[in-house]
Amino acid sequence: MTPEMIAKVAQDSIYTILIVIAPVAGVALVVGLLVSIFQATTQIQEQTLAFVPKILAVLLSILFFGQWMLNHVVDFTQRLLGNLAQYIG
């Protein structure tokens, strides 16, 4: 296995990770920002108010984007295993 092949596998892995987590991280970011704005305007500094909405939003986004995320991971795995003979040989 050449260094170029290792770099390509690492690059594909990082790209897949970023693509898969982007929707969930984006939803968590937006909900966290909205909760922070709400807390700043109302001066309510309850910790569960910041935690519970983000958890619910992340769970809903996983339900919504889950199939799409799984398809990306499966495609990556199939490409990796399909090229395994090339990487080993």
Protein backbone atom coordinates (compact mmCIF):
# COMPACT_ATOMS: atom_id res chain seq x y z
CA MET A 1 0.00 0.00 0.00
CA THR A 2 1.54 3.26 -1.12
CA PRO A 3 1.40 6.53 0.80
CA GLU A 4 -0.82 7.94 -1.94
CA MET A 5 -3.37 5.19 -1.36
CA ILE A 6 -3.34 5.80 2.38
CA ALA A 7 -3.83 9.52 1.79
CA LYS A 8 -6.74 8.82 -0.58
CA VAL A 9 -8.45 6.51 1.93
CA ALA A 10 -7.93 9.07 4.72
CA GLN A 11 -9.26 11.86 2.51
CA ASP A 12 -12.36 9.85 1.56
CA SER A 13 -12.91 8.95 5.22
CA ILE A 14 -12.75 12.53 6.41
CA TYR A 15 -14.96 13.73 3.56
CA THR A 16 -17.56 11.06 4.38
CA ILE A 17 -17.52 11.94 8.07
CA LEU A 18 -17.99 15.65 7.35
CA ILE A 19 -20.80 15.04 4.87
CA VAL A 20 -22.61 12.68 7.23
CA ILE A 21 -22.43 14.87 10.34
CA ALA A 22 -23.11 18.19 8.59
CA PRO A 23 -26.94 18.11 8.71
CA VAL A 24 -27.10 17.07 12.36
CA ALA A 25 -24.41 19.52 13.43
CA GLY A 26 -26.13 22.31 11.47
CA VAL A 27 -29.46 21.65 13.16
CA ALA A 28 -27.80 21.56 16.59
CA LEU A 29 -26.01 24.83 15.82
CA VAL A 30 -29.19 26.62 14.73
CA VAL A 31 -31.23 25.35 17.69
CA GLY A 32 -28.43 26.26 20.10
CA LEU A 33 -28.27 29.77 18.65
CA LEU A 34 -32.03 30.22 18.92
CA VAL A 35 -32.05 28.99 22.52
CA SER A 36 -29.15 31.29 23.37
CA ILE A 37 -30.97 34.27 21.89
CA PHE A 38 -34.11 33.31 23.84
CA GLN A 39 -32.11 32.99 27.07
CA ALA A 40 -30.37 36.31 26.51
CA THR A 41 -33.62 38.18 25.87
CA THR A 42 -35.52 36.62 28.78
CA GLN A 43 -32.52 36.35 31.13
CA ILE A 44 -33.49 32.76 31.96
CA GLN A 45 -30.26 30.85 32.57
CA GLU A 46 -31.65 27.37 33.14
CA GLN A 47 -29.25 24.66 31.91
CA THR A 48 -31.97 22.22 30.87
CA LEU A 49 -33.46 24.90 28.65
CA ALA A 50 -30.27 24.85 26.59
CA PHE A 51 -29.83 21.07 26.66
CA VAL A 52 -33.26 19.54 26.03
CA PRO A 53 -34.20 21.40 22.79
CA LYS A 54 -30.83 20.56 21.21
CA ILE A 55 -31.18 16.88 22.09
CA LEU A 56 -34.69 16.77 20.65
CA ALA A 57 -33.62 18.61 17.50
CA VAL A 58 -30.66 16.27 16.99
CA LEU A 59 -32.87 13.20 17.44
CA LEU A 60 -35.42 14.54 14.96
CA SER A 61 -32.71 15.42 12.46
CA ILE A 62 -31.25 11.90 12.76
CA LEU A 63 -34.72 10.50 12.07
CA PHE A 64 -35.12 12.81 9.09
CA PHE A 65 -31.61 12.50 7.62
CA GLY A 66 -30.84 8.98 8.88
CA GLN A 67 -31.48 7.13 5.64
CA TRP A 68 -29.46 9.63 3.64
CA MET A 69 -26.60 9.40 6.16
CA LEU A 70 -26.70 5.61 6.11
CA ASN A 71 -26.60 5.58 2.29
CA HIS A 72 -23.42 7.69 2.33
CA VAL A 73 -21.74 5.44 4.88
CA VAL A 74 -22.74 2.29 2.99
CA ASP A 75 -21.47 3.75 -0.31
CA PHE A 76 -18.15 4.60 1.35
CA THR A 77 -17.87 1.12 2.84
CA GLN A 78 -18.65 -0.54 -0.49
CA ARG A 79 -16.01 1.58 -2.24
CA LEU A 80 -13.47 0.80 0.47
CA LEU A 81 -14.12 -2.93 0.42
CA GLY A 82 -14.32 -2.97 -3.38
CA ASN A 83 -10.84 -1.47 -3.60
CA LEU A 84 -9.43 -3.62 -0.81
CA ALA A 85 -7.60 -5.93 -3.21
CA GLN A 86 -5.96 -2.90 -4.82
CA TYR A 87 -4.90 -1.54 -1.42
CA ILE A 88 -3.45 -4.84 -0.21
CA GLY A 89 -1.85 -5.99 -3.45
